[in-house]
Amino acid sequence: MNRPANRKELLTHINHVSFAVDDVKLYLDTHPCDKEALSFFQEMSRRRNEALKEYASSYGPLTADTADRSCTECWNWINEPWPWQEGGC
């Protein structure tokens, strides 16, 4: 996978894979045995998790579940700029 070059590109990538995850989850609700859709879901989920971890390590966590690495001493994940600040979105 080509890595996004900057914060904005990484956020755009996270939005794209998050949309794909959410969209295929809805499809799987009505087609639970579709192996191709399940495989797509697993791949997009993996990509989303990797991108969220990459974002968290570079810019601070976007979600509370990715705050574990940056919040070892105190709950500091809210100190980073929000995604919509500094041209994030």
PDB file of N, CA and C in Angstrom:
ATOM      1  N   MET A   1       0.838  -1.169   0.000  1.00  0.00           N
ATOM      2  CA  MET A   1       0.000   0.000   0.000  1.00  0.00           C
ATOM      3  C   MET A   1       0.887   1.237   0.000  1.00  0.00           C
ATOM      4  N   ASN A   2       0.540   2.216  -0.825  1.00  0.00           N
ATOM      5  CA  ASN A   2       1.261   3.479  -0.814  1.00  0.00           C
ATOM      6  C   ASN A   2       0.848   4.271   0.412  1.00  0.00           C
ATOM      7  N   ARG A   3       1.825   4.751   1.133  1.00  0.00           N
ATOM      8  CA  ARG A   3       1.539   5.504   2.353  1.00  0.00           C
ATOM      9  C   ARG A   3       1.209   6.952   2.000  1.00  0.00           C
ATOM     10  N   PRO A   4       0.145   7.490   2.598  1.00  0.00           N
ATOM     11  CA  PRO A   4      -0.155   8.905   2.389  1.00  0.00           C
ATOM     12  C   PRO A   4       1.013   9.766   2.858  1.00  0.00           C
ATOM     13  N   ALA A   5       1.243  10.865   2.147  1.00  0.00           N
ATOM     14  CA  ALA A   5       2.422  11.684   2.412  1.00  0.00           C
ATOM     15  C   ALA A   5       2.267  12.619   3.600  1.00  0.00           C
ATOM     16  N   ASN A   6       1.056  13.011   3.924  1.00  0.00           N
ATOM     17  CA  ASN A   6       0.904  13.989   4.995  1.00  0.00           C
ATOM     18  C   ASN A   6      -0.381  13.720   5.783  1.00  0.00           C
ATOM     19  N   ARG A   7      -0.604  14.559   6.773  1.00  0.00           N
ATOM     20  CA  ARG A   7      -1.737  14.388   7.687  1.00  0.00           C
ATOM     21  C   ARG A   7      -3.077  14.382   6.943  1.00  0.00           C
ATOM     22  N   LYS A   8      -3.263  15.345   6.061  1.00  0.00           N
ATOM     23  CA  LYS A   8      -4.530  15.450   5.331  1.00  0.00           C
ATOM     24  C   LYS A   8      -4.761  14.222   4.447  1.00  0.00           C
ATOM     25  N   GLU A   9      -3.728  13.785   3.755  1.00  0.00           N
ATOM     26  CA  GLU A   9      -3.857  12.597   2.905  1.00  0.00           C
ATOM     27  C   GLU A   9      -4.145  11.354   3.733  1.00  0.00           C
ATOM     28  N   LEU A  10      -3.518  11.253   4.907  1.00  0.00           N
ATOM     29  CA  LEU A  10      -3.760  10.108   5.773  1.00  0.00           C
ATOM     30  C   LEU A  10      -5.200  10.125   6.282  1.00  0.00           C
ATOM     31  N   LEU A  11      -5.707  11.304   6.659  1.00  0.00           N
ATOM     32  CA  LEU A  11      -7.102  11.407   7.089  1.00  0.00           C
ATOM     33  C   LEU A  11      -8.062  11.037   5.962  1.00  0.00           C
ATOM     34  N   THR A  12      -7.746  11.466   4.748  1.00  0.00           N
ATOM     35  CA  THR A  12      -8.578  11.114   3.594  1.00  0.00           C
ATOM     36  C   THR A  12      -8.579   9.602   3.394  1.00  0.00           C
ATOM     37  N   HIS A  13      -7.418   8.999   3.501  1.00  0.00           N
ATOM     38  CA  HIS A  13      -7.312   7.539   3.372  1.00  0.00           C
ATOM     39  C   HIS A  13      -8.136   6.841   4.462  1.00  0.00           C
ATOM     40  N   ILE A  14      -8.046   7.323   5.692  1.00  0.00           N
ATOM     41  CA  ILE A  14      -8.819   6.743   6.797  1.00  0.00           C
ATOM     42  C   ILE A  14     -10.314   6.872   6.508  1.00  0.00           C
ATOM     43  N   ASN A  15     -10.729   8.019   6.004  1.00  0.00           N
ATOM     44  CA  ASN A  15     -12.143   8.199   5.661  1.00  0.00           C
ATOM     45  C   ASN A  15     -12.589   7.230   4.577  1.00  0.00           C
ATOM     46  N   HIS A  16     -11.765   7.018   3.574  1.00  0.00           N
ATOM     47  CA  HIS A  16     -12.115   6.100   2.479  1.00  0.00           C
ATOM     48  C   HIS A  16     -12.256   4.659   2.970  1.00  0.00           C
ATOM     49  N   VAL A  17     -11.265   4.190   3.713  1.00  0.00           N
ATOM     50  CA  VAL A  17     -11.351   2.796   4.166  1.00  0.00           C
ATOM     51  C   VAL A  17     -12.435   2.631   5.231  1.00  0.00           C
ATOM     52  N   SER A  18     -12.678   3.670   6.025  1.00  0.00           N
ATOM     53  CA  SER A  18     -13.762   3.602   7.014  1.00  0.00           C
ATOM     54  C   SER A  18     -15.114   3.519   6.319  1.00  0.00           C
ATOM     55  N   PHE A  19     -15.282   4.272   5.254  1.00  0.00           N
ATOM     56  CA  PHE A  19     -16.523   4.194   4.487  1.00  0.00           C
ATOM     57  C   PHE A  19     -16.712   2.791   3.914  1.00  0.00           C
ATOM     58  N   ALA A  20     -15.639   2.238   3.361  1.00  0.00           N
ATOM     59  CA  ALA A  20     -15.717   0.892   2.803  1.00  0.00           C
ATOM     60  C   ALA A  20     -16.100  -0.130   3.871  1.00  0.00           C
ATOM     61  N   VAL A  21     -15.512  -0.011   5.061  1.00  0.00           N
ATOM     62  CA  VAL A  21     -15.833  -0.921   6.160  1.00  0.00           C
ATOM     63  C   VAL A  21     -17.314  -0.801   6.527  1.00  0.00           C
ATOM     64  N   ASP A  22     -17.777   0.424   6.706  1.00  0.00           N
ATOM     65  CA  ASP A  22     -19.179   0.626   7.096  1.00  0.00           C
ATOM     66  C   ASP A  22     -20.143   0.145   6.014  1.00  0.00           C
ATOM     67  N   ASP A  23     -19.805   0.415   4.765  1.00  0.00           N
ATOM     68  CA  ASP A  23     -20.670   0.022   3.667  1.00  0.00           C
ATOM     69  C   ASP A  23     -20.781  -1.499   3.546  1.00  0.00           C
ATOM     70  N   VAL A  24     -19.651  -2.179   3.622  1.00  0.00           N
ATOM     71  CA  VAL A  24     -19.691  -3.636   3.490  1.00  0.00           C
ATOM     72  C   VAL A  24     -20.318  -4.293   4.723  1.00  0.00           C
ATOM     73  N   LYS A  25     -20.218  -3.641   5.882  1.00  0.00           N
ATOM     74  CA  LYS A  25     -20.921  -4.176   7.073  1.00  0.00           C
ATOM     75  C   LYS A  25     -22.418  -4.196   6.829  1.00  0.00           C
ATOM     76  N   LEU A  26     -22.949  -3.142   6.236  1.00  0.00           N
ATOM     77  CA  LEU A  26     -24.384  -3.098   5.933  1.00  0.00           C
ATOM     78  C   LEU A  26     -24.765  -4.203   4.949  1.00  0.00           C
ATOM     79  N   TYR A  27     -23.939  -4.401   3.938  1.00  0.00           N
ATOM     80  CA  TYR A  27     -24.196  -5.460   2.958  1.00  0.00           C
ATOM     81  C   TYR A  27     -24.166  -6.833   3.634  1.00  0.00           C
ATOM     82  N   LEU A  28     -23.183  -7.040   4.499  1.00  0.00           N
ATOM     83  CA  LEU A  28     -23.066  -8.335   5.165  1.00  0.00           C
ATOM     84  C   LEU A  28     -24.231  -8.612   6.110  1.00  0.00           C
ATOM     85  N   ASP A  29     -24.907  -7.562   6.585  1.00  0.00           N
ATOM     86  CA  ASP A  29     -26.102  -7.769   7.413  1.00  0.00           C
ATOM     87  C   ASP A  29     -27.179  -8.524   6.653  1.00  0.00           C
ATOM     88  N   THR A  30     -27.238  -8.327   5.338  1.00  0.00           N
ATOM     89  CA  THR A  30     -28.257  -9.005   4.529  1.00  0.00           C
ATOM     90  C   THR A  30     -27.693 -10.139   3.676  1.00  0.00           C
ATOM     91  N   HIS A  31     -26.379 -10.243   3.607  1.00  0.00           N
ATOM     92  CA  HIS A  31     -25.721 -11.300   2.825  1.00  0.00           C
ATOM     93  C   HIS A  31     -24.578 -11.900   3.648  1.00  0.00           C
ATOM     94  N   PRO A  32     -24.885 -12.495   4.785  1.00  0.00           N
ATOM     95  CA  PRO A  32     -23.830 -12.924   5.716  1.00  0.00           C
ATOM     96  C   PRO A  32     -22.923 -14.037   5.204  1.00  0.00           C
ATOM     97  N   CYS A  33     -23.320 -14.731   4.169  1.00  0.00           N
ATOM     98  CA  CYS A  33     -22.500 -15.844   3.670  1.00  0.00           C
ATOM     99  C   CYS A  33     -21.689 -15.478   2.436  1.00  0.00           C
ATOM    100  N   ASP A  34     -21.670 -14.234   2.051  1.00  0.00           N
ATOM    101  CA  ASP A  34     -20.918 -13.788   0.883  1.00  0.00           C
ATOM    102  C   ASP A  34     -19.435 -13.742   1.250  1.00  0.00           C
ATOM    103  N   LYS A  35     -18.711 -14.753   0.814  1.00  0.00           N
ATOM    104  CA  LYS A  35     -17.295 -14.879   1.183  1.00  0.00           C
ATOM    105  C   LYS A  35     -16.435 -13.763   0.609  1.00  0.00           C
ATOM    106  N   GLU A  36     -16.762 -13.307  -0.582  1.00  0.00           N
ATOM    107  CA  GLU A  36     -16.001 -12.217  -1.190  1.00  0.00           C
ATOM    108  C   GLU A  36     -16.195 -10.921  -0.389  1.00  0.00           C
ATOM    109  N   ALA A  37     -17.421 -10.654   0.020  1.00  0.00           N
ATOM    110  CA  ALA A  37     -17.692  -9.456   0.825  1.00  0.00           C
ATOM    111  C   ALA A  37     -17.015  -9.567   2.190  1.00  0.00           C
ATOM    112  N   LEU A  38     -17.035 -10.751   2.775  1.00  0.00           N
ATOM    113  CA  LEU A  38     -16.382 -10.948   4.068  1.00  0.00           C
ATOM    114  C   LEU A  38     -14.874 -10.735   3.953  1.00  0.00           C
ATOM    115  N   SER A  39     -14.292 -11.219   2.873  1.00  0.00           N
ATOM    116  CA  SER A  39     -12.865 -11.025   2.631  1.00  0.00           C
ATOM    117  C   SER A  39     -12.556  -9.531   2.448  1.00  0.00           C
ATOM    118  N   PHE A  40     -13.415  -8.836   1.710  1.00  0.00           N
ATOM    119  CA  PHE A  40     -13.251  -7.396   1.512  1.00  0.00           C
ATOM    120  C   PHE A  40     -13.339  -6.665   2.847  1.00  0.00           C
ATOM    121  N   PHE A  41     -14.302  -7.047   3.679  1.00  0.00           N
ATOM    122  CA  PHE A  41     -14.451  -6.452   4.999  1.00  0.00           C
ATOM    123  C   PHE A  41     -13.178  -6.635   5.828  1.00  0.00           C
ATOM    124  N   GLN A  42     -12.651  -7.834   5.825  1.00  0.00           N
ATOM    125  CA  GLN A  42     -11.447  -8.114   6.604  1.00  0.00           C
ATOM    126  C   GLN A  42     -10.259  -7.291   6.118  1.00  0.00           C
ATOM    127  N   GLU A  43     -10.111  -7.167   4.797  1.00  0.00           N
ATOM    128  CA  GLU A  43      -9.003  -6.392   4.238  1.00  0.00           C
ATOM    129  C   GLU A  43      -9.161  -4.905   4.552  1.00  0.00           C
ATOM    130  N   MET A  44     -10.341  -4.363   4.378  1.00  0.00           N
ATOM    131  CA  MET A  44     -10.564  -2.938   4.664  1.00  0.00           C
ATOM    132  C   MET A  44     -10.416  -2.651   6.161  1.00  0.00           C
ATOM    133  N   SER A  45     -10.867  -3.563   7.001  1.00  0.00           N
ATOM    134  CA  SER A  45     -10.699  -3.399   8.449  1.00  0.00           C
ATOM    135  C   SER A  45      -9.223  -3.385   8.820  1.00  0.00           C
ATOM    136  N   ARG A  46      -8.463  -4.265   8.199  1.00  0.00           N
ATOM    137  CA  ARG A  46      -7.016  -4.310   8.450  1.00  0.00           C
ATOM    138  C   ARG A  46      -6.369  -2.999   8.022  1.00  0.00           C
ATOM    139  N   ARG A  47      -6.720  -2.522   6.842  1.00  0.00           N
ATOM    140  CA  ARG A  47      -6.149  -1.266   6.348  1.00  0.00           C
ATOM    141  C   ARG A  47      -6.547  -0.089   7.238  1.00  0.00           C
ATOM    142  N   ARG A  48      -7.798  -0.085   7.687  1.00  0.00           N
ATOM    143  CA  ARG A  48      -8.272   0.997   8.555  1.00  0.00           C
ATOM    144  C   ARG A  48      -7.488   0.996   9.873  1.00  0.00           C
ATOM    145  N   ASN A  49      -7.341  -0.181  10.473  1.00  0.00           N
ATOM    146  CA  ASN A  49      -6.611  -0.275  11.741  1.00  0.00           C
ATOM    147  C   ASN A  49      -5.160   0.161  11.584  1.00  0.00           C
ATOM    148  N   GLU A  50      -4.531  -0.241  10.488  1.00  0.00           N
ATOM    149  CA  GLU A  50      -3.144   0.174  10.238  1.00  0.00           C
ATOM    150  C   GLU A  50      -3.051   1.686  10.084  1.00  0.00           C
ATOM    151  N   ALA A  51      -3.983   2.263   9.332  1.00  0.00           N
ATOM    152  CA  ALA A  51      -3.963   3.709   9.109  1.00  0.00           C
ATOM    153  C   ALA A  51      -4.228   4.472  10.407  1.00  0.00           C
ATOM    154  N   LEU A  52      -5.146   3.974  11.230  1.00  0.00           N
ATOM    155  CA  LEU A  52      -5.417   4.620  12.514  1.00  0.00           C
ATOM    156  C   LEU A  52      -4.192   4.572  13.423  1.00  0.00           C
ATOM    157  N   LYS A  53      -3.494   3.449  13.414  1.00  0.00           N
ATOM    158  CA  LYS A  53      -2.273   3.328  14.220  1.00  0.00           C
ATOM    159  C   LYS A  53      -1.182   4.242  13.696  1.00  0.00           C
ATOM    160  N   GLU A  54      -1.061   4.315  12.371  1.00  0.00           N
ATOM    161  CA  GLU A  54      -0.059   5.199  11.777  1.00  0.00           C
ATOM    162  C   GLU A  54      -0.368   6.660  12.123  1.00  0.00           C
ATOM    163  N   TYR A  55      -1.631   7.039  12.017  1.00  0.00           N
ATOM    164  CA  TYR A  55      -2.028   8.403  12.353  1.00  0.00           C
ATOM    165  C   TYR A  55      -1.722   8.685  13.823  1.00  0.00           C
ATOM    166  N   ALA A  56      -2.089   7.753  14.691  1.00  0.00           N
ATOM    167  CA  ALA A  56      -1.869   7.936  16.126  1.00  0.00           C
ATOM    168  C   ALA A  56      -0.390   8.102  16.445  1.00  0.00           C
ATOM    169  N   SER A  57       0.458   7.350  15.792  1.00  0.00           N
ATOM    170  CA  SER A  57       1.888   7.447  16.084  1.00  0.00           C
ATOM    171  C   SER A  57       2.495   8.744  15.552  1.00  0.00           C
ATOM    172  N   SER A  58       1.915   9.302  14.494  1.00  0.00           N
ATOM    173  CA  SER A  58       2.466  10.523  13.911  1.00  0.00           C
ATOM    174  C   SER A  58       1.821  11.797  14.434  1.00  0.00           C
ATOM    175  N   TYR A  59       0.494  11.748  14.668  1.00  0.00           N
ATOM    176  CA  TYR A  59      -0.239  12.987  14.968  1.00  0.00           C
ATOM    177  C   TYR A  59      -1.078  12.925  16.227  1.00  0.00           C
ATOM    178  N   GLY A  60      -1.149  11.775  16.864  1.00  0.00           N
ATOM    179  CA  GLY A  60      -2.024  11.603  18.015  1.00  0.00           C
ATOM    180  C   GLY A  60      -3.246  10.798  17.599  1.00  0.00           C
ATOM    181  N   PRO A  61      -3.862  10.125  18.529  1.00  0.00           N
ATOM    182  CA  PRO A  61      -4.959   9.217  18.198  1.00  0.00           C
ATOM    183  C   PRO A  61      -6.227   9.940  17.748  1.00  0.00           C
ATOM    184  N   LEU A  62      -6.925   9.315  16.803  1.00  0.00           N
ATOM    185  CA  LEU A  62      -8.233   9.799  16.357  1.00  0.00           C
ATOM    186  C   LEU A  62      -9.356   9.186  17.175  1.00  0.00           C
ATOM    187  N   THR A  63      -9.114   8.006  17.690  1.00  0.00           N
ATOM    188  CA  THR A  63     -10.130   7.287  18.448  1.00  0.00           C
ATOM    189  C   THR A  63      -9.527   6.866  19.786  1.00  0.00           C
ATOM    190  N   ALA A  64     -10.396   6.678  20.753  1.00  0.00           N
ATOM    191  CA  ALA A  64      -9.916   6.308  22.084  1.00  0.00           C
ATOM    192  C   ALA A  64      -9.180   4.971  22.072  1.00  0.00           C
ATOM    193  N   ASP A  65      -9.577   4.054  21.194  1.00  0.00           N
ATOM    194  CA  ASP A  65      -8.920   2.757  21.177  1.00  0.00           C
ATOM    195  C   ASP A  65      -7.515   2.807  20.583  1.00  0.00           C
ATOM    196  N   THR A  66      -7.139   3.914  19.945  1.00  0.00           N
ATOM    197  CA  THR A  66      -5.758   4.060  19.481  1.00  0.00           C
ATOM    198  C   THR A  66      -4.968   4.998  20.378  1.00  0.00           C
ATOM    199  N   ALA A  67      -5.545   5.364  21.508  1.00  0.00           N
ATOM    200  CA  ALA A  67      -4.871   6.274  22.440  1.00  0.00           C
ATOM    201  C   ALA A  67      -3.908   5.556  23.363  1.00  0.00           C
ATOM    202  N   ASP A  68      -3.934   4.242  23.383  1.00  0.00           N
ATOM    203  CA  ASP A  68      -3.129   3.498  24.351  1.00  0.00           C
ATOM    204  C   ASP A  68      -1.638   3.768  24.247  1.00  0.00           C
ATOM    205  N   ARG A  69      -1.117   3.963  23.049  1.00  0.00           N
ATOM    206  CA  ARG A  69       0.327   4.170  22.889  1.00  0.00           C
ATOM    207  C   ARG A  69       0.771   5.559  23.316  1.00  0.00           C
ATOM    208  N   SER A  70      -0.079   6.557  23.091  1.00  0.00           N
ATOM    209  CA  SER A  70       0.341   7.919  23.409  1.00  0.00           C
ATOM    210  C   SER A  70      -0.093   8.349  24.805  1.00  0.00           C
ATOM    211  N   CYS A  71      -0.849   7.526  25.484  1.00  0.00           N
ATOM    212  CA  CYS A  71      -1.369   7.901  26.803  1.00  0.00           C
ATOM    213  C   CYS A  71      -0.847   6.972  27.888  1.00  0.00           C
ATOM    214  N   THR A  72       0.452   6.757  27.901  1.00  0.00           N
ATOM    215  CA  THR A  72       1.000   5.858  28.910  1.00  0.00           C
ATOM    216  C   THR A  72       1.178   6.537  30.255  1.00  0.00           C
ATOM    217  N   GLU A  73       1.414   7.849  30.247  1.00  0.00           N
ATOM    218  CA  GLU A  73       1.632   8.584  31.490  1.00  0.00           C
ATOM    219  C   GLU A  73       0.369   9.296  31.981  1.00  0.00           C
ATOM    220  N   CYS A  74      -0.416   9.830  31.052  1.00  0.00           N
ATOM    221  CA  CYS A  74      -1.666  10.513  31.402  1.00  0.00           C
ATOM    222  C   CYS A  74      -2.583  10.501  30.188  1.00  0.00           C
ATOM    223  N   TRP A  75      -3.831  10.847  30.419  1.00  0.00           N
ATOM    224  CA  TRP A  75      -4.832  10.847  29.350  1.00  0.00           C
ATOM    225  C   TRP A  75      -4.654  12.110  28.516  1.00  0.00           C
ATOM    226  N   ASN A  76      -3.708  12.059  27.574  1.00  0.00           N
ATOM    227  CA  ASN A  76      -3.336  13.255  26.828  1.00  0.00           C
ATOM    228  C   ASN A  76      -3.822  13.272  25.390  1.00  0.00           C
ATOM    229  N   TRP A  77      -4.608  12.313  24.977  1.00  0.00           N
ATOM    230  CA  TRP A  77      -4.994  12.257  23.574  1.00  0.00           C
ATOM    231  C   TRP A  77      -5.848  13.438  23.159  1.00  0.00           C
ATOM    232  N   ILE A  78      -6.481  14.112  24.101  1.00  0.00           N
ATOM    233  CA  ILE A  78      -7.281  15.286  23.738  1.00  0.00           C
ATOM    234  C   ILE A  78      -6.437  16.531  23.547  1.00  0.00           C
ATOM    235  N   ASN A  79      -5.156  16.458  23.839  1.00  0.00           N
ATOM    236  CA  ASN A  79      -4.280  17.612  23.681  1.00  0.00           C
ATOM    237  C   ASN A  79      -3.858  17.854  22.238  1.00  0.00           C
ATOM    238  N   GLU A  80      -3.963  16.844  21.399  1.00  0.00           N
ATOM    239  CA  GLU A  80      -3.608  16.983  19.987  1.00  0.00           C
ATOM    240  C   GLU A  80      -4.691  17.774  19.267  1.00  0.00           C
ATOM    241  N   PRO A  81      -4.356  18.429  18.151  1.00  0.00           N
ATOM    242  CA  PRO A  81      -5.390  19.121  17.385  1.00  0.00           C
ATOM    243  C   PRO A  81      -6.443  18.119  16.894  1.00  0.00           C
ATOM    244  N   TRP A  82      -7.690  18.534  16.914  1.00  0.00           N
ATOM    245  CA  TRP A  82      -8.766  17.683  16.409  1.00  0.00           C
ATOM    246  C   TRP A  82      -8.628  17.571  14.897  1.00  0.00           C
ATOM    247  N   PRO A  83      -9.156  16.512  14.304  1.00  0.00           N
ATOM    248  CA  PRO A  83      -8.974  16.316  12.851  1.00  0.00           C
ATOM    249  C   PRO A  83      -9.443  17.498  12.000  1.00  0.00           C
ATOM    250  N   TRP A  84     -10.451  18.224  12.459  1.00  0.00           N
ATOM    251  CA  TRP A  84     -10.970  19.343  11.663  1.00  0.00           C
ATOM    252  C   TRP A  84     -10.196  20.638  11.903  1.00  0.00           C
ATOM    253  N   GLN A  85      -9.248  20.605  12.789  1.00  0.00           N
ATOM    254  CA  GLN A  85      -8.403  21.766  13.029  1.00  0.00           C
ATOM    255  C   GLN A  85      -7.157  21.684  12.163  1.00  0.00           C
ATOM    256  N   GLU A  86      -6.517  22.805  11.960  1.00  0.00           N
ATOM    257  CA  GLU A  86      -5.273  22.868  11.200  1.00  0.00           C
ATOM    258  C   GLU A  86      -5.390  22.238   9.816  1.00  0.00           C
ATOM    259  N   GLY A  87      -6.534  22.434   9.170  1.00  0.00           N
ATOM    260  CA  GLY A  87      -6.740  21.895   7.823  1.00  0.00           C
ATOM    261  C   GLY A  87      -6.809  20.393   7.782  1.00  0.00           C
ATOM    262  N   GLY A  88      -7.145  19.749   8.906  1.00  0.00           N
ATOM    263  CA  GLY A  88      -7.174  18.290   8.968  1.00  0.00           C
ATOM    264  C   GLY A  88      -8.198  17.646   8.064  1.00  0.00           C
ATOM    265  N   CYS A  89      -9.346  18.229   7.936  1.00  0.00           N
ATOM    266  CA  CYS A  89     -10.397  17.630   7.107  1.00  0.00           C
ATOM    267  C   CYS A  89     -10.572  18.401   5.832  1.00  0.00           C
TER     268      CYS A  89
END
